[in-house]
Amino acid sequence: QVQLVESGGGLVQPGGSLQLSCAASGRNFRIALMRWYRQIPGKERELVASITSRYITTYSDSVKGRFTISRDNPKSTVYLQMNSLKPEDTAVYYCNAWLMSMDYWGQGTQVTVSS
């Protein structure tokens, strides 16, 4: 029912920056809890950041101070600004929405940090 489409991934050098976008369908984006996850092959999917309908944000310790999550409700879009990127940030990044007791996922976008 709800569709999420990520974009903005790519190859970046250590210390560089990248901004991911997640465009959402539906009429109830404003009340959704939005999250960014990431996954490295062979490892569990990791929660990176979240933002509530009241714009309260949380971050994992590994990205705190470097990443910023934000949302633009008129555009039904959530962003993840990633600065000071490290090789350890290399992963597939997934957008997630929790709405009306349902969980929705995007297809993922690859981020590679390498020199």
C-alpha atoms as a PDB file:
ATOM      1  CA  GLN A   1       0.000   0.000   0.000  1.00  0.00           C
ATOM      2  CA  VAL A   2       2.774   2.436   0.975  1.00  0.00           C
ATOM      3  CA  GLN A   3       5.736   2.718  -1.374  1.00  0.00           C
ATOM      4  CA  LEU A   4       9.152   4.104  -0.459  1.00  0.00           C
ATOM      5  CA  VAL A   5      11.823   4.931  -3.044  1.00  0.00           C
ATOM      6  CA  GLU A   6      15.394   5.730  -1.998  1.00  0.00           C
ATOM      7  CA  SER A   7      17.910   7.654  -4.073  1.00  0.00           C
ATOM      8  CA  GLY A   8      21.241   9.436  -3.693  1.00  0.00           C
ATOM      9  CA  GLY A   9      23.598   6.548  -3.029  1.00  0.00           C
ATOM     10  CA  GLY A  10      26.935   6.178  -4.761  1.00  0.00           C
ATOM     11  CA  LEU A  11      30.710   6.096  -4.397  1.00  0.00           C
ATOM     12  CA  VAL A  12      32.399   8.681  -2.190  1.00  0.00           C
ATOM     13  CA  GLN A  13      35.893   9.091  -0.723  1.00  0.00           C
ATOM     14  CA  PRO A  14      36.530   8.916   3.028  1.00  0.00           C
ATOM     15  CA  GLY A  15      35.724  12.264   4.622  1.00  0.00           C
ATOM     16  CA  GLY A  16      33.225  13.101   1.913  1.00  0.00           C
ATOM     17  CA  SER A  17      29.491  13.750   2.093  1.00  0.00           C
ATOM     18  CA  LEU A  18      26.365  12.269   0.578  1.00  0.00           C
ATOM     19  CA  GLN A  19      22.647  12.959   0.960  1.00  0.00           C
ATOM     20  CA  LEU A  20      20.098  10.177   0.659  1.00  0.00           C
ATOM     21  CA  SER A  21      16.444  10.829  -0.144  1.00  0.00           C
ATOM     22  CA  CYS A  22      13.360   8.698   0.437  1.00  0.00           C
ATOM     23  CA  ALA A  23      10.157   9.629  -1.386  1.00  0.00           C
ATOM     24  CA  ALA A  24       6.953   8.214   0.108  1.00  0.00           C
ATOM     25  CA  SER A  25       3.515   7.643  -1.340  1.00  0.00           C
ATOM     26  CA  GLY A  26       0.227   8.073   0.503  1.00  0.00           C
ATOM     27  CA  ARG A  27      -1.678  10.797   2.321  1.00  0.00           C
ATOM     28  CA  ASN A  28      -0.461  10.159   5.882  1.00  0.00           C
ATOM     29  CA  PHE A  29       3.258  10.859   5.618  1.00  0.00           C
ATOM     30  CA  ARG A  30       2.998  13.601   8.274  1.00  0.00           C
ATOM     31  CA  ILE A  31       2.090  11.157  11.057  1.00  0.00           C
ATOM     32  CA  ALA A  32       4.532   8.399  10.116  1.00  0.00           C
ATOM     33  CA  LEU A  33       7.641   7.483  12.077  1.00  0.00           C
ATOM     34  CA  MET A  34      10.474   7.456   9.553  1.00  0.00           C
ATOM     35  CA  ARG A  35      13.753   5.565   9.920  1.00  0.00           C
ATOM     36  CA  TRP A  36      16.946   4.887   8.035  1.00  0.00           C
ATOM     37  CA  TYR A  37      18.568   1.463   8.360  1.00  0.00           C
ATOM     38  CA  ARG A  38      21.721   0.058   6.795  1.00  0.00           C
ATOM     39  CA  GLN A  39      22.934  -3.468   6.124  1.00  0.00           C
ATOM     40  CA  ILE A  40      26.339  -4.957   5.371  1.00  0.00           C
ATOM     41  CA  PRO A  41      26.334  -8.431   3.755  1.00  0.00           C
ATOM     42  CA  GLY A  42      26.416 -11.110   6.442  1.00  0.00           C
ATOM     43  CA  LYS A  43      25.407  -8.715   9.217  1.00  0.00           C
ATOM     44  CA  GLU A  44      22.120  -7.741  10.844  1.00  0.00           C
ATOM     45  CA  ARG A  45      20.267  -4.721   9.558  1.00  0.00           C
ATOM     46  CA  GLU A  46      21.184  -1.744  11.759  1.00  0.00           C
ATOM     47  CA  LEU A  47      19.031   1.221  12.747  1.00  0.00           C
ATOM     48  CA  VAL A  48      20.918   4.396  11.810  1.00  0.00           C
ATOM     49  CA  ALA A  49      18.498   7.242  12.534  1.00  0.00           C
ATOM     50  CA  SER A  50      14.825   8.002  13.124  1.00  0.00           C
ATOM     51  CA  ILE A  51      12.547  11.021  13.081  1.00  0.00           C
ATOM     52  CA  THR A  52       9.053  11.224  14.572  1.00  0.00           C
ATOM     53  CA  SER A  53       6.004  13.135  13.382  1.00  0.00           C
ATOM     54  CA  ARG A  54       7.018  15.831  15.865  1.00  0.00           C
ATOM     55  CA  TYR A  55      10.544  16.038  14.395  1.00  0.00           C
ATOM     56  CA  ILE A  56      12.232  14.327  17.339  1.00  0.00           C
ATOM     57  CA  THR A  57      15.403  12.648  16.081  1.00  0.00           C
ATOM     58  CA  THR A  58      17.563   9.795  17.329  1.00  0.00           C
ATOM     59  CA  TYR A  59      20.858   8.381  16.056  1.00  0.00           C
ATOM     60  CA  SER A  60      23.010   5.337  16.542  1.00  0.00           C
ATOM     61  CA  ASP A  61      26.248   5.961  18.408  1.00  0.00           C
ATOM     62  CA  SER A  62      28.293   5.123  15.321  1.00  0.00           C
ATOM     63  CA  VAL A  63      26.845   8.013  13.275  1.00  0.00           C
ATOM     64  CA  LYS A  64      26.040  10.567  15.982  1.00  0.00           C
ATOM     65  CA  GLY A  65      27.506  13.956  15.122  1.00  0.00           C
ATOM     66  CA  ARG A  66      28.082  13.002  11.479  1.00  0.00           C
ATOM     67  CA  PHE A  67      24.624  12.157  10.097  1.00  0.00           C
ATOM     68  CA  THR A  68      21.443  14.242  10.146  1.00  0.00           C
ATOM     69  CA  ILE A  69      17.929  12.957   9.463  1.00  0.00           C
ATOM     70  CA  SER A  70      15.234  15.403   8.367  1.00  0.00           C
ATOM     71  CA  ARG A  71      11.807  15.388   6.745  1.00  0.00           C
ATOM     72  CA  ASP A  72       9.893  17.608   4.335  1.00  0.00           C
ATOM     73  CA  ASN A  73       6.212  16.841   4.844  1.00  0.00           C
ATOM     74  CA  PRO A  74       4.846  18.822   1.856  1.00  0.00           C
ATOM     75  CA  LYS A  75       7.178  16.771  -0.367  1.00  0.00           C
ATOM     76  CA  SER A  76       6.535  13.509   1.548  1.00  0.00           C
ATOM     77  CA  THR A  77      10.293  13.000   1.660  1.00  0.00           C
ATOM     78  CA  VAL A  78      12.785  12.062   4.360  1.00  0.00           C
ATOM     79  CA  TYR A  79      16.515  12.755   4.025  1.00  0.00           C
ATOM     80  CA  LEU A  80      19.738  11.452   5.501  1.00  0.00           C
ATOM     81  CA  GLN A  81      22.646  13.878   5.263  1.00  0.00           C
ATOM     82  CA  MET A  82      25.888  11.955   5.747  1.00  0.00           C
ATOM     83  CA  ASN A  83      29.094  13.873   6.471  1.00  0.00           C
ATOM     84  CA  SER A  84      32.640  12.797   7.369  1.00  0.00           C
ATOM     85  CA  LEU A  85      31.988   9.414   5.802  1.00  0.00           C
ATOM     86  CA  LYS A  86      34.132   6.445   6.784  1.00  0.00           C
ATOM     87  CA  PRO A  87      34.778   3.127   5.000  1.00  0.00           C
ATOM     88  CA  GLU A  88      32.786   1.471   7.808  1.00  0.00           C
ATOM     89  CA  ASP A  89      29.703   3.364   6.577  1.00  0.00           C
ATOM     90  CA  THR A  90      29.688   1.279   3.390  1.00  0.00           C
ATOM     91  CA  ALA A  91      26.335  -0.527   3.239  1.00  0.00           C
ATOM     92  CA  VAL A  92      22.959  -0.704   1.572  1.00  0.00           C
ATOM     93  CA  TYR A  93      20.801   1.984   3.147  1.00  0.00           C
ATOM     94  CA  TYR A  94      17.062   1.374   3.533  1.00  0.00           C
ATOM     95  CA  CYS A  95      14.217   3.776   4.219  1.00  0.00           C
ATOM     96  CA  ASN A  96      11.542   2.538   6.644  1.00  0.00           C
ATOM     97  CA  ALA A  97       8.117   3.894   7.596  1.00  0.00           C
ATOM     98  CA  TRP A  98       5.964   2.844  10.565  1.00  0.00           C
ATOM     99  CA  LEU A  99       2.367   3.866  10.032  1.00  0.00           C
ATOM    100  CA  MET A 100      -0.928   2.540  11.406  1.00  0.00           C
ATOM    101  CA  SER A 101       0.814  -0.454  12.999  1.00  0.00           C
ATOM    102  CA  MET A 102       2.410  -1.398   9.659  1.00  0.00           C
ATOM    103  CA  ASP A 103       6.071  -1.459   8.618  1.00  0.00           C
ATOM    104  CA  TYR A 104       7.117  -0.460   5.099  1.00  0.00           C
ATOM    105  CA  TRP A 105      10.512  -0.685   3.388  1.00  0.00           C
ATOM    106  CA  GLY A 106      12.190   0.835   0.381  1.00  0.00           C
ATOM    107  CA  GLN A 107      14.333  -1.128  -2.060  1.00  0.00           C
ATOM    108  CA  GLY A 108      17.622   0.188  -0.699  1.00  0.00           C
ATOM    109  CA  THR A 109      20.428   2.293  -2.138  1.00  0.00           C
ATOM    110  CA  GLN A 110      24.131   1.387  -2.119  1.00  0.00           C
ATOM    111  CA  VAL A 111      26.629   3.669  -0.385  1.00  0.00           C
ATOM    112  CA  THR A 112      30.314   2.874  -0.891  1.00  0.00           C
ATOM    113  CA  VAL A 113      33.033   4.815   0.939  1.00  0.00           C
ATOM    114  CA  SER A 114      36.446   4.063  -0.524  1.00  0.00           C
ATOM    115  CA  SER A 115      39.639   5.775  -1.616  1.00  0.00           C
END
